[in-house]
C-alpha cells in the first residue's frame, strides 16, 4: 500500500478531529455553568454527614442554599457552634444561632417495670412492633425499645440499656432525627437544663406518686373509652354509667389517664 493511498484517510481523520475539537471548544464556552466558588468553601465547613437534619438532602445542597441566600449561617445544628462560626466568617455575617437542644426520652419505665401484654417476635424495628397492638408494653404511651432511634442518629449519641434508649447529652447535636423517627412521639428536643428535663420526664405521669387511679364519678362523662382501651380489662363500665377501676388488678400503665377526654381519672 503506497503512501498516497493512505493520505486520504489520514487527512479525513485529521479534519474530523479538528471539527470535533471545535465543537467541544464551542460547547465548553457557551454551555459552561458558572459555579460560585463560595459553595466549595461552605461545603468544606459543613460536617459532611449528609444527615438531612437541616431539611436539605445533603451537605452540598445545604451549601448551595446558603450560598444562594436561601439559608443562613445557622443552617446546620449537627455541626454545632464551630460550624456556625466558620460559615459566619465565609459569609461575613453574624448569624442568630439557635440555642443548642438535646434529645430526651419522655419515658423511664423499662419493659420489666411497665409489664408486658405480649411477647413480640418480628422485625427488630419500632414501627413494625407499633403496628402489632402498639408493642409489648402494657403502657400504650411507653417506649417500644427496639432502637429505631439508635439507627438514625448520625452522631452516635444513643445506646440501648435495659430496653430503653439512653442519650449522651455531650455527643447529641440536637438534629432531631430521632424525634422524627420515634413512632410513639415520646422523644423531645429540650434545653439541657434541669427545669426542661423535669418537665418532660415520662410526660409527667410515670414519675408522679400522687396517682390513685380513681374515677371522679360526678364529672365522668360516661363515655367508656377508658374501659375499652384498658389493656388488662380492669375497668368496669356499662352504657350510661360511670367507670370504675379495680385497683387490685390495675398495673398502672396510665392508658386510662392519658386517653380520658374529660380528665377525671386521677
C-alpha atoms as a PDB file:
ATOM      1  CA  UNK A   1       0.000   0.000   0.000  1.00  0.00           C
ATOM      2  CA  UNK A   2       1.518   3.306  -1.107  1.00  0.00           C
ATOM      3  CA  UNK A   3       1.853   6.457   0.959  1.00  0.00           C
ATOM      4  CA  UNK A   4      -0.535   8.283  -1.395  1.00  0.00           C
ATOM      5  CA  UNK A   5      -3.257   5.681  -0.812  1.00  0.00           C
ATOM      6  CA  UNK A   6      -3.023   6.331   2.955  1.00  0.00           C
ATOM      7  CA  UNK A   7      -3.120  10.097   2.607  1.00  0.00           C
ATOM      8  CA  UNK A   8      -6.851  10.483   2.049  1.00  0.00           C
ATOM      9  CA  UNK A   9      -7.953   8.535   5.182  1.00  0.00           C
ATOM     10  CA  UNK A  10      -5.375  10.302   7.358  1.00  0.00           C
ATOM     11  CA  UNK A  11      -6.475  13.677   6.068  1.00  0.00           C
ATOM     12  CA  UNK A  12     -10.113  12.780   6.662  1.00  0.00           C
ATOM     13  CA  UNK A  13      -9.477  11.683  10.250  1.00  0.00           C
ATOM     14  CA  UNK A  14      -7.421  14.812  10.914  1.00  0.00           C
ATOM     15  CA  UNK A  15     -10.204  17.068   9.653  1.00  0.00           C
ATOM     16  CA  UNK A  16     -12.752  15.078  11.656  1.00  0.00           C
ATOM     17  CA  UNK A  17     -10.669  15.534  14.791  1.00  0.00           C
ATOM     18  CA  UNK A  18     -10.382  19.273  14.212  1.00  0.00           C
ATOM     19  CA  UNK A  19     -14.151  19.576  13.752  1.00  0.00           C
ATOM     20  CA  UNK A  20     -14.809  17.579  16.912  1.00  0.00           C
ATOM     21  CA  UNK A  21     -12.336  19.700  18.861  1.00  0.00           C
ATOM     22  CA  UNK A  22     -14.054  22.840  17.578  1.00  0.00           C
ATOM     23  CA  UNK A  23     -17.428  21.533  18.727  1.00  0.00           C
ATOM     24  CA  UNK A  24     -16.069  20.768  22.202  1.00  0.00           C
ATOM     25  CA  UNK A  25     -14.499  24.223  22.490  1.00  0.00           C
ATOM     26  CA  UNK A  26     -17.789  25.802  21.433  1.00  0.00           C
ATOM     27  CA  UNK A  27     -19.785  23.719  23.950  1.00  0.00           C
ATOM     28  CA  UNK A  28     -17.339  24.434  26.761  1.00  0.00           C
ATOM     29  CA  UNK A  29     -17.522  28.163  26.130  1.00  0.00           C
ATOM     30  CA  UNK A  30     -21.247  28.643  25.529  1.00  0.00           C
ATOM     31  CA  UNK A  31     -22.696  25.945  27.787  1.00  0.00           C
ATOM     32  CA  UNK A  32     -20.361  26.456  30.709  1.00  0.00           C
ATOM     33  CA  UNK A  33     -22.170  26.588  34.057  1.00  0.00           C
ATOM     34  CA  UNK A  34     -20.614  29.199  36.300  1.00  0.00           C
ATOM     35  CA  UNK A  35     -20.334  27.838  39.843  1.00  0.00           C
ATOM     36  CA  UNK A  36     -19.914  30.022  42.860  1.00  0.00           C
ATOM     37  CA  UNK A  37     -16.530  29.218  44.436  1.00  0.00           C
ATOM     38  CA  UNK A  38     -18.105  30.138  47.759  1.00  0.00           C
ATOM     39  CA  UNK A  39     -20.141  26.912  47.605  1.00  0.00           C
ATOM     40  CA  UNK A  40     -16.987  24.814  47.876  1.00  0.00           C
ATOM     41  CA  UNK A  41     -15.829  26.757  50.925  1.00  0.00           C
ATOM     42  CA  UNK A  42     -19.242  26.434  52.571  1.00  0.00           C
ATOM     43  CA  UNK A  43     -19.451  22.702  51.818  1.00  0.00           C
ATOM     44  CA  UNK A  44     -15.998  22.204  53.323  1.00  0.00           C
ATOM     45  CA  UNK A  45     -17.124  23.936  56.529  1.00  0.00           C
ATOM     46  CA  UNK A  46     -20.127  21.621  56.929  1.00  0.00           C
ATOM     47  CA  UNK A  47     -19.661  18.276  58.734  1.00  0.00           C
ATOM     48  CA  UNK A  48     -20.331  16.186  55.623  1.00  0.00           C
ATOM     49  CA  UNK A  49     -22.705  13.745  57.349  1.00  0.00           C
ATOM     50  CA  UNK A  50     -25.483  14.247  54.784  1.00  0.00           C
ATOM     51  CA  UNK A  51     -27.958  13.500  57.576  1.00  0.00           C
ATOM     52  CA  UNK A  52     -30.740  15.744  56.257  1.00  0.00           C
ATOM     53  CA  UNK A  53     -31.427  17.302  59.670  1.00  0.00           C
ATOM     54  CA  UNK A  54     -31.182  20.770  58.115  1.00  0.00           C
ATOM     55  CA  UNK A  55     -34.002  19.996  55.681  1.00  0.00           C
ATOM     56  CA  UNK A  56     -31.734  19.566  52.655  1.00  0.00           C
ATOM     57  CA  UNK A  57     -30.862  16.256  51.014  1.00  0.00           C
ATOM     58  CA  UNK A  58     -27.120  16.620  51.515  1.00  0.00           C
ATOM     59  CA  UNK A  59     -24.443  18.954  52.828  1.00  0.00           C
ATOM     60  CA  UNK A  60     -23.765  20.004  49.230  1.00  0.00           C
ATOM     61  CA  UNK A  61     -27.415  21.018  48.793  1.00  0.00           C
ATOM     62  CA  UNK A  62     -27.253  22.918  52.077  1.00  0.00           C
ATOM     63  CA  UNK A  63     -24.087  24.686  50.910  1.00  0.00           C
ATOM     64  CA  UNK A  64     -25.805  25.726  47.688  1.00  0.00           C
ATOM     65  CA  UNK A  65     -28.778  27.027  49.681  1.00  0.00           C
ATOM     66  CA  UNK A  66     -26.525  29.060  51.960  1.00  0.00           C
ATOM     67  CA  UNK A  67     -24.599  30.475  49.002  1.00  0.00           C
ATOM     68  CA  UNK A  68     -27.895  31.366  47.316  1.00  0.00           C
ATOM     69  CA  UNK A  69     -29.097  33.105  50.493  1.00  0.00           C
ATOM     70  CA  UNK A  70     -31.924  30.593  50.913  1.00  0.00           C
ATOM     71  CA  UNK A  71     -30.454  29.519  54.247  1.00  0.00           C
ATOM     72  CA  UNK A  72     -28.298  31.234  56.830  1.00  0.00           C
ATOM     73  CA  UNK A  73     -25.111  30.508  58.708  1.00  0.00           C
ATOM     74  CA  UNK A  74     -27.062  28.608  61.374  1.00  0.00           C
ATOM     75  CA  UNK A  75     -28.319  26.064  58.835  1.00  0.00           C
ATOM     76  CA  UNK A  76     -26.526  23.121  60.462  1.00  0.00           C
ATOM     77  CA  UNK A  77     -27.322  22.189  64.072  1.00  0.00           C
ATOM     78  CA  UNK A  78     -25.324  18.998  63.816  1.00  0.00           C
ATOM     79  CA  UNK A  79     -22.081  20.888  63.240  1.00  0.00           C
ATOM     80  CA  UNK A  80     -22.572  22.924  66.383  1.00  0.00           C
ATOM     81  CA  UNK A  81     -21.235  26.434  67.109  1.00  0.00           C
ATOM     82  CA  UNK A  82     -17.942  25.723  65.335  1.00  0.00           C
ATOM     83  CA  UNK A  83     -19.742  25.219  62.028  1.00  0.00           C
ATOM     84  CA  UNK A  84     -21.849  28.330  62.543  1.00  0.00           C
ATOM     85  CA  UNK A  85     -18.745  30.386  63.267  1.00  0.00           C
ATOM     86  CA  UNK A  86     -16.977  29.064  60.158  1.00  0.00           C
ATOM     87  CA  UNK A  87     -19.969  29.928  57.970  1.00  0.00           C
ATOM     88  CA  UNK A  88     -20.194  33.375  59.534  1.00  0.00           C
ATOM     89  CA  UNK A  89     -16.591  34.022  58.510  1.00  0.00           C
ATOM     90  CA  UNK A  90     -17.206  32.808  54.956  1.00  0.00           C
ATOM     91  CA  UNK A  91     -20.408  34.811  54.551  1.00  0.00           C
ATOM     92  CA  UNK A  92     -19.107  37.756  56.572  1.00  0.00           C
ATOM     93  CA  UNK A  93     -22.338  37.926  58.519  1.00  0.00           C
ATOM     94  CA  UNK A  94     -23.350  37.423  62.120  1.00  0.00           C
ATOM     95  CA  UNK A  95     -25.870  34.627  62.486  1.00  0.00           C
ATOM     96  CA  UNK A  96     -28.537  34.421  65.137  1.00  0.00           C
ATOM     97  CA  UNK A  97     -27.663  30.948  66.342  1.00  0.00           C
ATOM     98  CA  UNK A  98     -30.312  28.807  67.920  1.00  0.00           C
ATOM     99  CA  UNK A  99     -29.526  27.677  71.426  1.00  0.00           C
ATOM    100  CA  UNK A 100     -28.483  24.056  71.401  1.00  0.00           C
ATOM    101  CA  UNK A 101     -31.043  21.476  72.389  1.00  0.00           C
ATOM    102  CA  UNK A 102     -30.612  17.817  73.235  1.00  0.00           C
ATOM    103  CA  UNK A 103     -32.823  14.791  72.657  1.00  0.00           C
ATOM    104  CA  UNK A 104     -34.641  13.437  75.687  1.00  0.00           C
ATOM    105  CA  UNK A 105     -36.748  10.298  76.144  1.00  0.00           C
ATOM    106  CA  UNK A 106     -40.045  11.055  77.899  1.00  0.00           C
ATOM    107  CA  UNK A 107     -40.303   7.537  79.296  1.00  0.00           C
ATOM    108  CA  UNK A 108     -38.375   5.911  82.117  1.00  0.00           C
ATOM    109  CA  UNK A 109     -40.123   2.581  82.595  1.00  0.00           C
ATOM    110  CA  UNK A 110     -38.269  -0.433  81.238  1.00  0.00           C
ATOM    111  CA  UNK A 111     -40.290  -3.319  79.760  1.00  0.00           C
ATOM    112  CA  UNK A 112     -39.820  -5.178  83.049  1.00  0.00           C
ATOM    113  CA  UNK A 113     -41.150  -2.250  85.113  1.00  0.00           C
ATOM    114  CA  UNK A 114     -44.040  -1.442  82.774  1.00  0.00           C
ATOM    115  CA  UNK A 115     -45.068  -5.061  82.271  1.00  0.00           C
ATOM    116  CA  UNK A 116     -45.679  -6.906  79.021  1.00  0.00           C
ATOM    117  CA  UNK A 117     -49.036  -7.627  77.446  1.00  0.00           C
ATOM    118  CA  UNK A 118     -47.488  -9.983  74.890  1.00  0.00           C
ATOM    119  CA  UNK A 119     -44.177 -11.257  73.535  1.00  0.00           C
ATOM    120  CA  UNK A 120     -43.273  -9.615  70.235  1.00  0.00           C
ATOM    121  CA  UNK A 121     -41.450 -11.780  67.713  1.00  0.00           C
ATOM    122  CA  UNK A 122     -40.989  -9.871  64.490  1.00  0.00           C
ATOM    123  CA  UNK A 123     -38.775  -7.396  62.622  1.00  0.00           C
ATOM    124  CA  UNK A 124     -36.477  -5.537  65.011  1.00  0.00           C
ATOM    125  CA  UNK A 125     -37.743  -2.014  64.478  1.00  0.00           C
ATOM    126  CA  UNK A 126     -40.183   0.091  66.434  1.00  0.00           C
ATOM    127  CA  UNK A 127     -42.574   0.728  63.540  1.00  0.00           C
ATOM    128  CA  UNK A 128     -43.180  -2.982  62.965  1.00  0.00           C
ATOM    129  CA  UNK A 129     -43.835  -3.564  66.667  1.00  0.00           C
ATOM    130  CA  UNK A 130     -46.059  -0.478  66.809  1.00  0.00           C
ATOM    131  CA  UNK A 131     -48.270  -1.950  64.097  1.00  0.00           C
ATOM    132  CA  UNK A 132     -48.869  -5.030  66.268  1.00  0.00           C
ATOM    133  CA  UNK A 133     -51.024  -3.808  69.167  1.00  0.00           C
ATOM    134  CA  UNK A 134     -48.679  -0.896  69.906  1.00  0.00           C
ATOM    135  CA  UNK A 135     -45.722  -3.004  71.037  1.00  0.00           C
ATOM    136  CA  UNK A 136     -45.096  -5.302  74.021  1.00  0.00           C
ATOM    137  CA  UNK A 137     -45.607  -2.882  76.901  1.00  0.00           C
ATOM    138  CA  UNK A 138     -48.858  -2.606  78.768  1.00  0.00           C
ATOM    139  CA  UNK A 139     -48.305   1.144  78.803  1.00  0.00           C
ATOM    140  CA  UNK A 140     -49.592   2.381  75.436  1.00  0.00           C
ATOM    141  CA  UNK A 141     -47.573   5.573  75.667  1.00  0.00           C
ATOM    142  CA  UNK A 142     -44.280   3.911  76.589  1.00  0.00           C
ATOM    143  CA  UNK A 143     -41.100   3.410  74.590  1.00  0.00           C
ATOM    144  CA  UNK A 144     -41.208   0.314  72.372  1.00  0.00           C
ATOM    145  CA  UNK A 145     -37.489  -0.193  72.950  1.00  0.00           C
ATOM    146  CA  UNK A 146     -36.245  -1.686  69.671  1.00  0.00           C
ATOM    147  CA  UNK A 147     -33.806   1.124  68.946  1.00  0.00           C
ATOM    148  CA  UNK A 148     -35.031   2.647  65.688  1.00  0.00           C
ATOM    149  CA  UNK A 149     -33.775   5.968  67.055  1.00  0.00           C
ATOM    150  CA  UNK A 150     -30.290   4.492  67.505  1.00  0.00           C
ATOM    151  CA  UNK A 151     -30.100   3.572  63.831  1.00  0.00           C
ATOM    152  CA  UNK A 152     -30.775   7.117  62.577  1.00  0.00           C
ATOM    153  CA  UNK A 153     -28.519   9.056  64.966  1.00  0.00           C
ATOM    154  CA  UNK A 154     -25.661  10.489  62.843  1.00  0.00           C
ATOM    155  CA  UNK A 155     -23.575  11.369  65.898  1.00  0.00           C
ATOM    156  CA  UNK A 156     -23.774   8.009  67.656  1.00  0.00           C
ATOM    157  CA  UNK A 157     -25.234   9.656  70.750  1.00  0.00           C
ATOM    158  CA  UNK A 158     -27.810   6.947  71.525  1.00  0.00           C
ATOM    159  CA  UNK A 159     -27.314   3.489  73.009  1.00  0.00           C
ATOM    160  CA  UNK A 160     -29.762   0.930  74.338  1.00  0.00           C
ATOM    161  CA  UNK A 161     -29.799  -0.049  78.011  1.00  0.00           C
ATOM    162  CA  UNK A 162     -32.421  -2.231  79.731  1.00  0.00           C
ATOM    163  CA  UNK A 163     -34.770  -1.877  76.789  1.00  0.00           C
ATOM    164  CA  UNK A 164     -34.648   1.930  76.658  1.00  0.00           C
ATOM    165  CA  UNK A 165     -32.511   4.308  74.577  1.00  0.00           C
ATOM    166  CA  UNK A 166     -30.003   6.380  76.535  1.00  0.00           C
ATOM    167  CA  UNK A 167     -28.962   9.761  75.110  1.00  0.00           C
ATOM    168  CA  UNK A 168     -25.496  11.209  75.686  1.00  0.00           C
ATOM    169  CA  UNK A 169     -26.013  14.994  76.052  1.00  0.00           C
ATOM    170  CA  UNK A 170     -22.328  15.686  75.391  1.00  0.00           C
ATOM    171  CA  UNK A 171     -22.454  13.963  71.997  1.00  0.00           C
ATOM    172  CA  UNK A 172     -26.047  14.789  70.977  1.00  0.00           C
ATOM    173  CA  UNK A 173     -26.176  17.604  68.422  1.00  0.00           C
ATOM    174  CA  UNK A 174     -29.921  18.230  68.638  1.00  0.00           C
ATOM    175  CA  UNK A 175     -30.504  17.375  64.984  1.00  0.00           C
ATOM    176  CA  UNK A 176     -33.959  15.956  65.756  1.00  0.00           C
ATOM    177  CA  UNK A 177     -33.762  12.882  63.504  1.00  0.00           C
ATOM    178  CA  UNK A 178     -34.594  10.575  66.415  1.00  0.00           C
ATOM    179  CA  UNK A 179     -37.623  12.743  67.235  1.00  0.00           C
ATOM    180  CA  UNK A 180     -38.957  12.271  63.707  1.00  0.00           C
ATOM    181  CA  UNK A 181     -38.213   8.542  63.733  1.00  0.00           C
ATOM    182  CA  UNK A 182     -39.939   7.636  67.016  1.00  0.00           C
ATOM    183  CA  UNK A 183     -43.392   6.154  66.229  1.00  0.00           C
ATOM    184  CA  UNK A 184     -44.680   6.897  69.752  1.00  0.00           C
ATOM    185  CA  UNK A 185     -43.517  10.539  69.546  1.00  0.00           C
ATOM    186  CA  UNK A 186     -42.021  10.391  73.038  1.00  0.00           C
ATOM    187  CA  UNK A 187     -38.582  11.762  72.163  1.00  0.00           C
ATOM    188  CA  UNK A 188     -38.372  15.528  72.550  1.00  0.00           C
ATOM    189  CA  UNK A 189     -35.781  18.216  71.923  1.00  0.00           C
ATOM    190  CA  UNK A 190     -35.262  20.168  75.115  1.00  0.00           C
ATOM    191  CA  UNK A 191     -32.788  22.647  76.533  1.00  0.00           C
ATOM    192  CA  UNK A 192     -30.095  20.987  78.617  1.00  0.00           C
ATOM    193  CA  UNK A 193     -31.300  22.270  81.967  1.00  0.00           C
ATOM    194  CA  UNK A 194     -32.986  20.669  84.945  1.00  0.00           C
ATOM    195  CA  UNK A 195     -36.291  22.507  84.520  1.00  0.00           C
ATOM    196  CA  UNK A 196     -36.841  21.222  80.999  1.00  0.00           C
ATOM    197  CA  UNK A 197     -35.705  17.736  81.976  1.00  0.00           C
ATOM    198  CA  UNK A 198     -38.109  17.573  84.926  1.00  0.00           C
ATOM    199  CA  UNK A 199     -40.945  18.925  82.804  1.00  0.00           C
ATOM    200  CA  UNK A 200     -40.503  16.270  80.126  1.00  0.00           C
ATOM    201  CA  UNK A 201     -39.939  13.208  82.295  1.00  0.00           C
ATOM    202  CA  UNK A 202     -42.404  10.499  81.330  1.00  0.00           C
ATOM    203  CA  UNK A 203     -44.983  13.011  80.182  1.00  0.00           C
ATOM    204  CA  UNK A 204     -45.274  13.995  83.849  1.00  0.00           C
ATOM    205  CA  UNK A 205     -47.009  10.713  84.651  1.00  0.00           C
ATOM    206  CA  UNK A 206     -44.518   7.952  85.421  1.00  0.00           C
ATOM    207  CA  UNK A 207     -42.579   9.991  87.973  1.00  0.00           C
ATOM    208  CA  UNK A 208     -45.684  11.072  89.891  1.00  0.00           C
ATOM    209  CA  UNK A 209     -46.526   9.368  93.154  1.00  0.00           C
ATOM    210  CA  UNK A 210     -49.885  11.072  93.737  1.00  0.00           C
ATOM    211  CA  UNK A 211     -51.881   8.969  91.260  1.00  0.00           C
ATOM    212  CA  UNK A 212     -54.602   6.843  92.835  1.00  0.00           C
ATOM    213  CA  UNK A 213     -56.372   5.653  89.642  1.00  0.00           C
ATOM    214  CA  UNK A 214     -59.788   6.691  90.867  1.00  0.00           C
ATOM    215  CA  UNK A 215     -62.599   7.989  88.631  1.00  0.00           C
ATOM    216  CA  UNK A 216     -64.400  11.196  89.622  1.00  0.00           C
ATOM    217  CA  UNK A 217     -67.927   9.776  89.462  1.00  0.00           C
ATOM    218  CA  UNK A 218     -69.585  13.199  89.493  1.00  0.00           C
ATOM    219  CA  UNK A 219     -67.744  14.581  86.466  1.00  0.00           C
ATOM    220  CA  UNK A 220     -67.265  11.363  84.451  1.00  0.00           C
ATOM    221  CA  UNK A 221     -68.995  11.771  81.056  1.00  0.00           C
ATOM    222  CA  UNK A 222     -69.710   8.004  80.914  1.00  0.00           C
ATOM    223  CA  UNK A 223     -68.080   7.525  77.504  1.00  0.00           C
ATOM    224  CA  UNK A 224     -66.475   4.187  78.405  1.00  0.00           C
ATOM    225  CA  UNK A 225     -63.313   4.952  76.463  1.00  0.00           C
ATOM    226  CA  UNK A 226     -61.075   4.010  79.389  1.00  0.00           C
ATOM    227  CA  UNK A 227     -62.737   0.604  79.735  1.00  0.00           C
ATOM    228  CA  UNK A 228     -62.463  -0.090  76.018  1.00  0.00           C
ATOM    229  CA  UNK A 229     -58.773   0.794  75.895  1.00  0.00           C
ATOM    230  CA  UNK A 230     -57.594  -0.754  79.174  1.00  0.00           C
ATOM    231  CA  UNK A 231     -55.033  -3.415  78.157  1.00  0.00           C
ATOM    232  CA  UNK A 232     -55.714  -5.602  81.206  1.00  0.00           C
ATOM    233  CA  UNK A 233     -59.509  -5.063  81.310  1.00  0.00           C
ATOM    234  CA  UNK A 234     -59.743  -3.906  84.920  1.00  0.00           C
ATOM    235  CA  UNK A 235     -62.207  -1.062  84.322  1.00  0.00           C
ATOM    236  CA  UNK A 236     -65.908  -1.753  84.742  1.00  0.00           C
ATOM    237  CA  UNK A 237     -68.348   0.277  82.673  1.00  0.00           C
ATOM    238  CA  UNK A 238     -71.890  -0.009  81.396  1.00  0.00           C
ATOM    239  CA  UNK A 239     -73.604   2.341  78.987  1.00  0.00           C
ATOM    240  CA  UNK A 240     -74.982   5.310  80.872  1.00  0.00           C
ATOM    241  CA  UNK A 241     -72.893   4.673  83.977  1.00  0.00           C
ATOM    242  CA  UNK A 242     -69.564   5.946  85.253  1.00  0.00           C
ATOM    243  CA  UNK A 243     -66.402   3.869  85.011  1.00  0.00           C
ATOM    244  CA  UNK A 244     -64.875   2.066  87.967  1.00  0.00           C
ATOM    245  CA  UNK A 245     -61.216   0.914  88.186  1.00  0.00           C
ATOM    246  CA  UNK A 246     -60.380  -2.307  90.008  1.00  0.00           C
ATOM    247  CA  UNK A 247     -57.239  -1.195  91.858  1.00  0.00           C
ATOM    248  CA  UNK A 248     -56.347  -4.731  92.945  1.00  0.00           C
ATOM    249  CA  UNK A 249     -55.659  -5.776  89.350  1.00  0.00           C
ATOM    250  CA  UNK A 250     -54.534  -2.408  87.922  1.00  0.00           C
ATOM    251  CA  UNK A 251     -50.983  -2.449  86.528  1.00  0.00           C
ATOM    252  CA  UNK A 252     -50.726   1.371  86.490  1.00  0.00           C
ATOM    253  CA  UNK A 253     -49.987   1.542  82.782  1.00  0.00           C
ATOM    254  CA  UNK A 254     -51.517   5.074  82.671  1.00  0.00           C
ATOM    255  CA  UNK A 255     -53.506   4.370  79.496  1.00  0.00           C
ATOM    256  CA  UNK A 256     -56.792   5.444  81.077  1.00  0.00           C
ATOM    257  CA  UNK A 257     -55.325   8.691  82.399  1.00  0.00           C
ATOM    258  CA  UNK A 258     -53.868   9.598  79.019  1.00  0.00           C
ATOM    259  CA  UNK A 259     -56.949   8.914  76.929  1.00  0.00           C
ATOM    260  CA  UNK A 260     -59.714  10.173  79.292  1.00  0.00           C
ATOM    261  CA  UNK A 261     -61.269  13.104  77.347  1.00  0.00           C
ATOM    262  CA  UNK A 262     -62.622  14.813  80.466  1.00  0.00           C
ATOM    263  CA  UNK A 263     -59.511  14.140  82.599  1.00  0.00           C
ATOM    264  CA  UNK A 264     -61.468  12.813  85.549  1.00  0.00           C
ATOM    265  CA  UNK A 265     -59.112   9.933  86.416  1.00  0.00           C
ATOM    266  CA  UNK A 266     -56.500  10.878  88.994  1.00  0.00           C
END
